[in-house]
Amino acid sequence: MEAEREPLREESYDHQFKLLESELLGVTERAAIAAARLMGYGDRNECDRVAVEAMRQELERLELRGTVVIGEGERDEAPMLYIGERVGRPDADLEVAIAVDPLEGTNLCAHGRPGAISVLAVSVPGGLISAPDIYMEKIMVGSRAADAIDMNLSVAENLHRVAEAMDREVSEIVLVCLDRPRHRELVEEARRTGVRIKLIPDGDLSAAVSVAFAGTGDHIVMGIGGAPEGVLSAAALKCMGGRILARFRPRNEGERERLVQMGADPDRIYDTEDLAPGDRLLFVASGVTDGDLLPGVKFFEHGSRVSSLVMNYGARTIRLVSSILLKQRKDIHIWR
């Protein structure tokens, strides 16, 4: 029987989360490199498999006791990084909740398209909600429009409110939306407002981070995507002062029952703090293929270069990191 542990002191938590930044960066970097080696091979499942394996191996080396709350699915569906899986070291003092997406944009990577990333978020236990891999309706914006959105309003009303909050005409903002048949009515209503629209094949998590960065040209994400990506988006947007409003969209009674079993409310509108309530929160993303958010992995003779985003909510830091990972030490020529 496991002995009862003394809870970590507040200052110890802050210190350990600070130390975790570089460790977690190594996790997403290795997953990104593994997936990038298969870019363009056309096999989305294999791209995902190698990213999952690489991320799992790196997580096992960390001095933490982690429980996966957002992962690759249920235990029977996913051999690794499934919801409820324990990672790290059972004797470690630091206990955390972990949300992972080892390869967001499996199709993007498999076909050599822009925007694939490797992502994880870590918080204190209970700091990230657990959600099954079902649909979720979302509205996501950056800090300037955080108070403007409302899921009870129409598409047009939300677009006008976001434009007003950003001191722009509607025709001067960009709506990002997954290119799916289910979004036909949303897109048609949006077009009638005069808003510019970016239809993306995959990657609404990347888009969520993009709208929170000034200068990307993206301003609001709307539509139905994955619930796991919604929780990860909440973690990122919380670190950046942005906002997500979301509600689950179960397709059948089985999915609805699964939500209730996991403690979620199928009829509730969730805000950023509901999805990522933790006061200590880390978000890390590494680029796999070139995208608007991050450059992809670059390989050279003696190693690889990986570009990443590292955010620490508690420390109020956001870092853009470019790492060179070397195979050997002699006769190395590094190009900018």
Protein backbone atom coordinates (compact mmCIF):
# COMPACT_ATOMS: atom_id res chain seq x y z
CA MET A 1 0.00 0.00 0.00
CA GLU A 2 1.38 3.39 -1.01
CA ALA A 3 2.33 5.61 1.91
CA GLU A 4 0.44 8.89 2.26
CA ARG A 5 2.51 11.79 0.96
CA GLU A 6 2.98 15.22 2.40
CA PRO A 7 1.45 17.79 0.01
CA LEU A 8 3.96 20.07 -1.68
CA ARG A 9 4.24 23.61 -0.30
CA GLU A 10 3.15 26.46 -2.54
CA GLU A 11 6.68 27.68 -3.21
CA SER A 12 7.79 24.11 -3.99
CA TYR A 13 5.02 23.75 -6.58
CA ASP A 14 6.06 27.00 -8.25
CA HIS A 15 9.71 25.94 -8.30
CA GLN A 16 8.99 22.49 -9.73
CA PHE A 17 6.69 23.86 -12.42
CA LYS A 18 9.44 26.28 -13.41
CA LEU A 19 11.90 23.40 -13.71
CA LEU A 20 9.37 21.41 -15.75
CA GLU A 21 9.38 23.92 -18.61
CA SER A 22 12.59 22.69 -20.21
CA GLU A 23 11.75 19.06 -19.49
CA LEU A 24 8.38 19.29 -21.23
CA LEU A 25 9.98 21.12 -24.13
CA GLY A 26 12.14 18.06 -24.70
CA VAL A 27 9.01 15.88 -24.75
CA THR A 28 7.26 17.75 -27.56
CA GLU A 29 10.52 18.23 -29.47
CA ARG A 30 11.16 14.47 -29.61
CA ALA A 31 7.58 13.76 -30.65
CA ALA A 32 7.76 16.43 -33.36
CA ILE A 33 11.02 15.03 -34.75
CA ALA A 34 9.64 11.48 -34.83
CA ALA A 35 6.54 12.57 -36.74
CA ALA A 36 8.46 14.89 -39.09
CA ARG A 37 10.63 12.01 -40.29
CA LEU A 38 7.49 10.49 -41.84
CA MET A 39 6.17 13.72 -43.39
CA GLY A 40 4.58 13.09 -46.75
CA TYR A 41 4.57 9.28 -46.53
CA GLY A 42 0.77 9.32 -46.65
CA ASP A 43 0.27 7.17 -43.54
CA ARG A 44 -1.50 9.26 -40.88
CA ASN A 45 -1.73 6.36 -38.42
CA GLU A 46 2.00 5.70 -38.55
CA CYS A 47 2.79 9.40 -38.13
CA ASP A 48 0.60 9.44 -35.04
CA ARG A 49 2.02 6.17 -33.69
CA VAL A 50 5.65 7.29 -33.76
CA ALA A 51 4.76 10.65 -32.17
CA VAL A 52 2.85 8.90 -29.37
CA GLU A 53 5.71 6.47 -28.74
CA ALA A 54 8.30 9.24 -28.63
CA MET A 55 6.21 11.37 -26.27
CA ARG A 56 5.48 8.40 -23.98
CA GLN A 57 9.17 7.49 -23.74
CA GLU A 58 10.15 11.05 -22.83
CA LEU A 59 7.38 11.41 -20.24
CA GLU A 60 8.59 8.24 -18.51
CA ARG A 61 11.94 9.92 -17.84
CA LEU A 62 10.46 12.88 -15.97
CA GLU A 63 10.45 13.24 -12.19
CA LEU A 64 6.67 13.47 -11.83
CA ARG A 65 3.61 11.37 -11.18
CA GLY A 66 1.34 12.18 -14.10
CA THR A 67 -2.19 11.11 -14.96
CA VAL A 68 -3.35 11.57 -18.56
CA VAL A 69 -6.69 13.42 -18.58
CA ILE A 70 -6.67 14.26 -22.29
CA GLY A 71 -5.06 11.60 -24.44
CA GLU A 72 -5.34 9.30 -27.41
CA GLY A 73 -8.69 7.88 -26.31
CA GLU A 74 -9.89 5.16 -23.97
CA ARG A 75 -7.65 2.34 -22.78
CA ASP A 76 -9.21 -0.25 -25.11
CA GLU A 77 -8.71 2.06 -28.09
CA ALA A 78 -5.21 3.37 -27.41
CA PRO A 79 -2.21 1.28 -26.32
CA MET A 80 -0.40 4.37 -24.97
CA LEU A 81 -1.26 7.79 -23.54
CA TYR A 82 -4.87 6.79 -23.00
CA ILE A 83 -7.12 8.68 -20.59
CA GLY A 84 -6.30 7.60 -17.05
CA GLU A 85 -2.84 6.26 -17.88
CA ARG A 86 -0.09 6.96 -15.33
CA VAL A 87 3.22 8.27 -16.62
CA GLY A 88 6.48 9.34 -15.03
CA ARG A 89 7.79 7.87 -11.77
CA PRO A 90 5.54 6.47 -9.04
CA ASP A 91 7.92 7.69 -6.31
CA ALA A 92 8.09 11.31 -7.55
CA ASP A 93 6.81 14.09 -5.28
CA LEU A 94 5.19 16.19 -8.00
CA GLU A 95 1.72 14.99 -9.02
CA VAL A 96 0.20 16.50 -12.16
CA ALA A 97 -2.61 16.19 -14.70
CA ILE A 98 -1.42 15.91 -18.29
CA ALA A 99 -3.21 16.68 -21.56
CA VAL A 100 -1.50 15.52 -24.74
CA ASP A 101 -1.88 15.64 -28.48
CA PRO A 102 1.37 14.08 -29.73
CA LEU A 103 0.48 15.01 -33.31
CA GLU A 104 -2.26 17.51 -33.97
CA GLY A 105 -2.83 17.36 -37.69
CA THR A 106 -2.05 13.75 -38.55
CA ASN A 107 -3.32 14.26 -42.09
CA LEU A 108 -1.28 17.46 -42.39
CA CYS A 109 1.91 15.61 -41.52
CA ALA A 110 1.08 12.55 -43.63
CA HIS A 111 0.59 14.72 -46.72
CA GLY A 112 3.29 17.31 -46.06
CA ARG A 113 0.85 20.15 -45.45
CA PRO A 114 1.36 23.14 -43.15
CA GLY A 115 0.36 23.38 -39.51
CA ALA A 116 1.05 20.03 -37.81
CA ILE A 117 2.27 20.41 -34.21
CA SER A 118 3.04 18.31 -31.14
CA VAL A 119 1.34 19.57 -27.98
CA LEU A 120 0.99 18.95 -24.27
CA ALA A 121 -0.28 20.81 -21.23
CA VAL A 122 0.42 20.10 -17.56
CA SER A 123 -1.39 21.37 -14.47
CA VAL A 124 -2.02 20.45 -10.86
CA PRO A 125 -4.48 17.57 -10.25
CA GLY A 126 -7.92 18.83 -11.25
CA GLY A 127 -6.37 21.69 -13.21
CA LEU A 128 -7.48 20.32 -16.59
CA ILE A 129 -10.83 18.63 -17.11
CA SER A 130 -11.01 15.16 -18.63
CA ALA A 131 -12.93 14.86 -21.86
CA PRO A 132 -13.54 11.94 -24.23
CA ASP A 133 -12.81 12.19 -27.93
CA ILE A 134 -16.17 13.54 -29.03
CA TYR A 135 -17.28 16.73 -30.74
CA MET A 136 -17.27 20.14 -29.10
CA GLU A 137 -18.69 23.42 -30.39
CA LYS A 138 -16.24 26.28 -29.81
CA ILE A 139 -15.73 30.02 -30.12
CA MET A 140 -12.13 31.14 -29.48
CA VAL A 141 -10.58 34.61 -29.47
CA GLY A 142 -7.57 36.53 -28.20
CA SER A 143 -7.45 38.91 -25.26
CA ARG A 144 -8.83 42.00 -27.05
CA ALA A 145 -12.10 40.25 -27.84
CA ALA A 146 -12.32 38.06 -24.73
CA ASP A 147 -15.40 39.85 -23.38
CA ALA A 148 -17.15 40.12 -26.75
CA ILE A 149 -18.18 36.51 -27.45
CA ASP A 150 -21.39 34.79 -26.37
CA MET A 151 -22.50 31.29 -27.42
CA ASN A 152 -26.15 32.31 -27.05
CA LEU A 153 -25.76 34.85 -29.86
CA SER A 154 -25.73 34.20 -33.59
CA VAL A 155 -22.65 33.84 -35.75
CA ALA A 156 -23.21 37.30 -37.19
CA GLU A 157 -23.68 38.95 -33.79
CA ASN A 158 -20.48 37.40 -32.47
CA LEU A 159 -18.51 38.54 -35.51
CA HIS A 160 -19.80 42.11 -35.18
CA ARG A 161 -18.99 42.17 -31.46
CA VAL A 162 -15.46 40.88 -32.04
CA ALA A 163 -14.89 43.47 -34.77
CA GLU A 164 -16.12 46.25 -32.49
CA ALA A 165 -13.90 45.06 -29.62
CA MET A 166 -10.90 45.15 -31.95
CA ASP A 167 -11.88 48.57 -33.35
CA ARG A 168 -12.22 47.22 -36.89
CA GLU A 169 -14.80 46.73 -39.57
CA VAL A 170 -16.12 43.18 -39.87
CA SER A 171 -14.46 43.00 -43.28
CA GLU A 172 -11.11 43.58 -41.56
CA ILE A 173 -11.20 40.51 -39.31
CA VAL A 174 -10.59 36.85 -40.20
CA LEU A 175 -12.73 33.94 -39.09
CA VAL A 176 -10.93 30.58 -38.99
CA CYS A 177 -13.08 27.48 -39.42
CA LEU A 178 -12.50 23.81 -40.15
CA ASP A 179 -13.47 23.02 -43.73
CA ARG A 180 -16.25 20.53 -43.01
CA PRO A 181 -19.76 19.97 -44.44
CA ARG A 182 -21.19 20.48 -40.93
CA HIS A 183 -20.06 24.11 -41.08
CA ARG A 184 -21.89 25.02 -44.29
CA GLU A 185 -24.58 27.11 -42.58
CA LEU A 186 -22.04 28.77 -40.27
CA VAL A 187 -19.89 29.79 -43.24
CA GLU A 188 -22.88 31.02 -45.25
CA GLU A 189 -24.06 33.23 -42.38
CA ALA A 190 -20.53 34.51 -41.81
CA ARG A 191 -20.09 35.41 -45.47
CA ARG A 192 -23.20 37.54 -45.37
CA THR A 193 -21.52 39.76 -42.75
CA GLY A 194 -18.57 40.48 -45.05
CA VAL A 195 -16.00 38.83 -42.76
CA ARG A 196 -12.96 37.24 -44.36
CA ILE A 197 -12.83 33.48 -43.86
CA LYS A 198 -9.94 31.03 -43.64
CA LEU A 199 -11.09 27.44 -44.12
CA ILE A 200 -8.52 25.02 -42.74
CA PRO A 201 -8.31 21.25 -43.41
CA ASP A 202 -7.28 20.37 -39.82
CA GLY A 203 -5.74 21.96 -36.74
CA ASP A 204 -8.23 24.12 -34.84
CA LEU A 205 -5.89 23.96 -31.83
CA SER A 206 -3.16 25.72 -33.82
CA ALA A 207 -5.77 28.22 -34.94
CA ALA A 208 -6.78 28.87 -31.32
CA VAL A 209 -3.22 29.80 -30.41
CA SER A 210 -2.89 31.86 -33.57
CA VAL A 211 -5.85 34.14 -32.76
CA ALA A 212 -4.23 35.01 -29.42
CA PHE A 213 -1.04 36.23 -31.11
CA ALA A 214 -1.17 39.79 -32.46
CA GLY A 215 0.01 40.04 -36.04
CA THR A 216 -0.98 36.57 -37.24
CA GLY A 217 -3.98 37.91 -39.15
CA ASP A 218 -6.38 35.47 -37.45
CA HIS A 219 -9.01 36.86 -35.06
CA ILE A 220 -11.69 34.30 -34.18
CA VAL A 221 -12.19 30.54 -34.47
CA MET A 222 -15.71 29.12 -34.66
CA GLY A 223 -17.17 25.72 -35.33
CA ILE A 224 -17.29 22.12 -34.15
CA GLY A 225 -14.08 20.19 -33.54
CA GLY A 226 -12.64 17.71 -31.07
CA ALA A 227 -13.23 18.06 -27.33
CA PRO A 228 -9.64 17.10 -26.42
CA GLU A 229 -8.36 19.91 -28.64
CA GLY A 230 -10.83 22.22 -26.89
CA VAL A 231 -9.28 21.54 -23.48
CA LEU A 232 -5.76 22.04 -24.83
CA SER A 233 -6.92 25.25 -26.53
CA ALA A 234 -8.28 26.45 -23.19
CA ALA A 235 -4.89 25.87 -21.57
CA ALA A 236 -3.13 27.87 -24.27
CA LEU A 237 -5.66 30.70 -24.33
CA LYS A 238 -5.60 31.02 -20.54
CA CYS A 239 -1.83 31.55 -20.68
CA MET A 240 -2.32 34.26 -23.32
CA GLY A 241 -5.33 36.07 -21.89
CA GLY A 242 -7.64 34.75 -24.60
CA ARG A 243 -10.94 32.98 -24.17
CA ILE A 244 -12.81 29.89 -25.30
CA LEU A 245 -16.51 29.24 -24.92
CA ALA A 246 -17.53 25.65 -25.64
CA ARG A 247 -20.17 23.00 -25.23
CA PHE A 248 -20.05 19.29 -25.91
CA ARG A 249 -21.90 17.97 -28.93
CA PRO A 250 -22.57 14.25 -28.32
CA ARG A 251 -23.84 12.50 -31.44
CA ASN A 252 -25.75 9.74 -29.66
CA GLU A 253 -26.94 8.57 -26.26
CA GLY A 254 -23.79 6.53 -25.73
CA GLU A 255 -21.55 9.59 -26.05
CA ARG A 256 -23.88 11.55 -23.79
CA GLU A 257 -23.71 8.87 -21.13
CA ARG A 258 -19.91 8.75 -21.40
CA LEU A 259 -19.75 12.50 -20.75
CA VAL A 260 -21.89 12.16 -17.64
CA GLN A 261 -19.73 9.26 -16.39
CA MET A 262 -16.64 11.48 -16.71
CA GLY A 263 -18.31 14.27 -14.73
CA ALA A 264 -19.08 16.56 -17.67
CA ASP A 265 -22.38 18.31 -18.35
CA PRO A 266 -23.56 17.80 -21.96
CA ASP A 267 -25.80 20.87 -21.79
CA ARG A 268 -23.43 23.34 -20.13
CA ILE A 269 -21.53 26.16 -21.82
CA TYR A 270 -17.94 25.91 -20.60
CA ASP A 271 -15.67 28.93 -20.23
CA THR A 272 -11.86 28.96 -20.25
CA GLU A 273 -11.62 28.59 -16.48
CA ASP A 274 -14.03 25.66 -16.51
CA LEU A 275 -11.88 23.70 -18.96
CA ALA A 276 -8.50 24.68 -17.49
CA PRO A 277 -9.08 25.80 -13.88
CA GLY A 278 -5.54 25.14 -12.64
CA ASP A 279 -3.62 28.09 -11.17
CA ARG A 280 -0.37 26.38 -12.20
CA LEU A 281 -0.37 25.56 -15.87
CA LEU A 282 2.22 24.84 -18.55
CA PHE A 283 1.54 24.65 -22.29
CA VAL A 284 4.15 23.50 -24.80
CA ALA A 285 3.86 23.10 -28.58
CA SER A 286 6.53 22.16 -31.13
CA GLY A 287 6.17 22.60 -34.88
CA VAL A 288 6.19 19.47 -37.04
CA THR A 289 5.46 20.98 -40.47
CA ASP A 290 5.79 24.67 -41.37
CA GLY A 291 2.77 26.68 -40.31
CA ASP A 292 1.51 30.16 -39.47
CA LEU A 293 2.18 29.50 -35.78
CA LEU A 294 5.54 27.67 -35.79
CA PRO A 295 8.15 26.57 -38.35
CA GLY A 296 8.38 22.83 -38.85
CA VAL A 297 11.28 20.52 -38.02
CA LYS A 298 14.40 21.10 -40.13
CA PHE A 299 16.90 18.27 -40.56
CA PHE A 300 20.57 18.79 -41.35
CA GLU A 301 23.68 16.62 -41.46
CA HIS A 302 24.36 16.52 -37.74
CA GLY A 303 20.94 16.91 -36.19
CA SER A 304 17.71 18.86 -36.35
CA ARG A 305 16.18 22.21 -35.47
CA VAL A 306 12.82 22.41 -33.71
CA SER A 307 10.77 25.56 -33.07
CA SER A 308 8.48 25.62 -30.05
CA LEU A 309 6.17 27.73 -27.92
CA VAL A 310 6.49 27.39 -24.12
CA MET A 311 4.00 29.12 -21.81
CA ASN A 312 3.88 29.18 -18.01
CA TYR A 313 0.66 30.65 -16.65
CA GLY A 314 1.87 30.96 -13.07
CA ALA A 315 5.14 32.64 -14.01
CA ARG A 316 3.40 34.76 -16.68
CA THR A 317 5.97 33.88 -19.32
CA ILE A 318 5.60 33.09 -23.01
CA ARG A 319 8.70 31.93 -24.86
CA LEU A 320 9.38 31.16 -28.49
CA VAL A 321 12.24 28.66 -28.51
CA SER A 322 14.43 27.40 -31.33
CA SER A 323 16.40 24.28 -30.35
CA ILE A 324 19.18 22.54 -32.21
CA LEU A 325 19.45 18.88 -31.26
CA LEU A 326 22.80 17.41 -32.27
CA LYS A 327 23.67 13.81 -33.05
CA GLN A 328 27.41 14.22 -32.38
CA ARG A 329 29.89 16.88 -31.30
CA LYS A 330 32.73 16.92 -33.85
CA ASP A 331 32.97 18.73 -37.20
CA ILE A 332 29.59 20.40 -36.82
CA HIS A 333 28.44 23.19 -39.13
CA ILE A 334 25.35 25.03 -37.93
CA TRP A 335 23.44 27.16 -40.42
CA ARG A 336 21.13 29.92 -39.39
